Structures are given as C-alpha cells and as structure tokens.
Amino acid sequence: MTVYPRGENPVTIVFAGNATVATPSVHLTTMAGNAHLGFNVTEIGPRGVLNVTMPRAIVLSGSSVGIYVDGAQNDNTKVGGDASHLYVYFLILYGTHSVELQFGPATAPVLLYVMGGVLAASVVGLLFIVFNKKNGERLHNP
C-alpha cells in the first residue's frame, strides 16, 4: 500500500503474512528523524505472522526498532534489511490489535541506568550536605 505522510513524499509499505492489516488504519509519521508506523491488524487463527517491508530511506541509519501491540512491547520480533528496504517480522495472536512500529536512535540501556544511578546518588549526596550543614550551624549557634 502507499502511505501519504503530511508534507512528505508517498511511501510504499508492503504487508505480508497470514494476519490482515486494515488498510484505512495505516498511518506513518516522521519527526526529527524518528518514524512511527501505526495500523490495526487482525489474526483469525491462534497465532499468525506479519512481515512489514518499508523503504530504508524513511528510517535513520542505525535506528532501533520497537514493536508495540496494544501498547505492550512485542518481543517475538526479527528485523532485517538490505540496502533499500527494512524488513520487520513479528508474531501476532488471535484477534484485532493496534500495532505501532517505532524507529528511533539506538540507545544503550546500560548507559541510561548508569546515568540514572549517578543522578540519584548526586541528589542524595546534595541532601546529605545541606542537612549536615544545617545541623552544624545549630550546634555552633544555640
């Protein structure tokens, strides 16, 4: 199918597999190099597969891919590609689901945890210094 993002060139996206995509529900947005592809999909068997093929030109090089089904991350995912296309393959369970593929800059989760730990330790250290200084002032100024 062809998607017409606002203010951008049309993009052809191919859906294949035994899950059905509701064509009118497909929308593509790109902001600051991050692409989001959303759509509704229906699987009539206990479990199906869906392959999404999209041009690599709409996704920044080195982007990470997150697939969310009904708001929860889908861990049954394979991502591949060639020079022209990006291929995303994932499993979908019985029923109709809202799916969102998010393409964004790759992040290092460990680095984020370390930065969060450093920030938390800094706040605790600052509070300790402030309260210790106030207690010291009370002892010197009765």
Protein backbone atom coordinates (compact mmCIF):
# COMPACT_ATOMS: atom_id res chain seq x y z
CA MET A 1 0.00 0.00 0.00
CA THR A 2 1.04 3.61 -0.44
CA VAL A 3 1.04 5.93 2.56
CA TYR A 4 0.90 9.71 2.15
CA PRO A 5 2.53 11.35 5.20
CA ARG A 6 1.69 15.04 5.62
CA GLY A 7 4.11 17.23 3.72
CA GLU A 8 6.27 14.30 2.61
CA ASN A 9 6.64 12.09 -0.43
CA PRO A 10 4.42 9.00 -0.69
CA VAL A 11 5.90 5.82 0.78
CA THR A 12 5.15 2.24 -0.29
CA ILE A 13 4.85 -0.24 2.57
CA VAL A 14 4.23 -3.95 1.99
CA PHE A 15 2.36 -6.13 4.50
CA ALA A 16 2.59 -9.92 4.06
CA GLY A 17 1.71 -12.92 6.20
CA ASN A 18 -1.42 -14.58 7.47
CA ALA A 19 -2.58 -11.62 9.56
CA THR A 20 -4.76 -8.98 7.85
CA VAL A 21 -3.96 -5.28 8.06
CA ALA A 22 -6.88 -2.82 7.93
CA THR A 23 -5.64 -0.58 5.13
CA PRO A 24 -7.52 2.58 6.21
CA SER A 25 -5.89 2.36 9.66
CA VAL A 26 -2.29 2.66 8.38
CA HIS A 27 -0.54 5.92 9.25
CA LEU A 28 3.09 6.96 9.07
CA THR A 29 4.58 9.93 10.89
CA THR A 30 8.16 11.14 10.96
CA MET A 31 9.52 13.78 13.31
CA ALA A 32 13.17 14.71 13.80
CA GLY A 33 14.25 11.54 12.01
CA ASN A 34 12.09 9.25 14.16
CA ALA A 35 9.46 7.30 12.24
CA HIS A 36 6.26 5.78 13.65
CA LEU A 37 4.13 3.36 11.65
CA GLY A 38 0.75 2.53 13.17
CA PHE A 39 -2.03 0.22 11.99
CA ASN A 40 -4.68 -2.28 13.06
CA VAL A 41 -4.16 -5.97 12.36
CA THR A 42 -6.48 -8.99 12.67
CA GLU A 43 -5.44 -12.61 13.06
CA ILE A 44 -8.17 -15.26 12.80
CA GLY A 45 -6.03 -18.25 13.83
CA PRO A 46 -4.43 -18.85 17.23
CA ARG A 47 -1.24 -17.15 16.08
CA GLY A 48 -0.06 -15.56 12.88
CA VAL A 49 2.90 -13.77 11.41
CA LEU A 50 3.20 -10.38 9.84
CA ASN A 51 6.04 -9.14 7.64
CA VAL A 52 6.34 -5.40 7.09
CA THR A 53 8.63 -4.11 4.35
CA MET A 54 9.38 -0.40 4.19
CA PRO A 55 11.94 1.79 2.43
CA ARG A 56 15.11 2.28 4.41
CA ALA A 57 15.07 5.97 3.37
CA ILE A 58 12.40 6.83 5.98
CA VAL A 59 14.38 5.30 8.85
CA LEU A 60 17.64 6.80 10.11
CA SER A 61 20.68 4.58 9.72
CA GLY A 62 21.41 2.70 12.95
CA SER A 63 17.89 3.19 14.33
CA SER A 64 16.47 0.80 16.84
CA VAL A 65 13.07 -0.74 16.19
CA GLY A 66 10.35 -1.12 18.81
CA ILE A 67 7.18 -3.06 18.03
CA TYR A 68 4.21 -2.43 20.31
CA VAL A 69 0.99 -4.46 20.14
CA ASP A 70 -1.89 -2.90 22.10
CA GLY A 71 0.68 -0.72 23.88
CA ALA A 72 2.88 -3.61 25.09
CA GLN A 73 6.28 -4.33 23.58
CA ASN A 74 6.32 -7.41 21.31
CA ASP A 75 9.44 -9.49 21.95
CA ASN A 76 8.75 -12.02 19.16
CA THR A 77 10.39 -9.82 16.54
CA LYS A 78 13.04 -10.17 13.85
CA VAL A 79 14.44 -7.20 11.96
CA GLY A 80 16.49 -7.39 8.79
CA GLY A 81 17.08 -5.49 5.64
CA ASP A 82 19.13 -4.78 2.59
CA ALA A 83 20.44 -1.57 1.03
CA SER A 84 16.95 -0.43 0.01
CA HIS A 85 14.46 -1.93 2.47
CA LEU A 86 13.91 -2.70 6.12
CA TYR A 87 12.08 -5.93 6.96
CA VAL A 88 10.24 -6.37 10.27
CA TYR A 89 8.79 -9.78 11.12
CA PHE A 90 6.72 -10.49 14.23
CA LEU A 91 4.09 -12.81 15.66
CA ILE A 92 0.53 -11.68 16.28
CA LEU A 93 -2.05 -13.51 18.41
CA TYR A 94 -5.72 -14.16 17.69
CA GLY A 95 -7.96 -11.08 17.50
CA THR A 96 -7.72 -7.49 16.34
CA HIS A 97 -4.82 -5.45 17.67
CA SER A 98 -3.38 -1.97 17.41
CA VAL A 99 0.26 -2.14 16.28
CA GLU A 100 2.91 0.57 16.31
CA LEU A 101 6.41 0.28 14.93
CA GLN A 102 8.73 2.92 16.36
CA PHE A 103 12.06 3.66 14.73
CA GLY A 104 14.42 5.90 16.64
CA PRO A 105 18.04 6.43 17.58
CA ALA A 106 19.67 3.39 19.10
CA THR A 107 20.15 3.80 22.83
CA ALA A 108 22.37 1.97 25.25
CA PRO A 109 20.08 0.87 28.13
CA VAL A 110 23.04 0.21 30.42
CA LEU A 111 24.27 3.76 29.92
CA LEU A 112 20.80 5.10 30.78
CA TYR A 113 20.75 3.08 34.02
CA VAL A 114 24.24 4.30 34.96
CA MET A 115 23.25 7.92 34.29
CA GLY A 116 20.10 7.47 36.39
CA GLY A 117 22.15 5.99 39.24
CA VAL A 118 24.64 8.85 39.13
CA LEU A 119 21.80 11.38 39.21
CA ALA A 120 20.12 9.66 42.17
CA ALA A 121 23.41 9.44 44.09
CA SER A 122 24.10 13.13 43.40
CA VAL A 123 20.69 14.15 44.78
CA VAL A 124 21.18 12.05 47.92
CA GLY A 125 24.69 13.46 48.39
CA LEU A 126 23.46 17.05 47.99
CA LEU A 127 20.66 16.49 50.52
CA PHE A 128 23.16 14.99 52.98
CA ILE A 129 25.47 18.02 52.67
CA VAL A 130 22.60 20.52 53.08
CA PHE A 131 21.12 18.81 56.15
CA ASN A 132 24.54 18.19 57.69
CA LYS A 133 25.42 21.87 57.25
CA LYS A 134 22.14 22.98 58.92
CA ASN A 135 22.76 20.65 61.87
CA GLY A 136 26.32 22.02 62.22
CA GLU A 137 25.01 25.61 62.27
CA ARG A 138 22.57 24.74 65.10
CA LEU A 139 25.38 23.29 67.21
CA HIS A 140 27.52 26.44 66.82
CA ASN A 141 24.59 28.91 67.25
CA PRO A 142 22.44 27.68 70.19
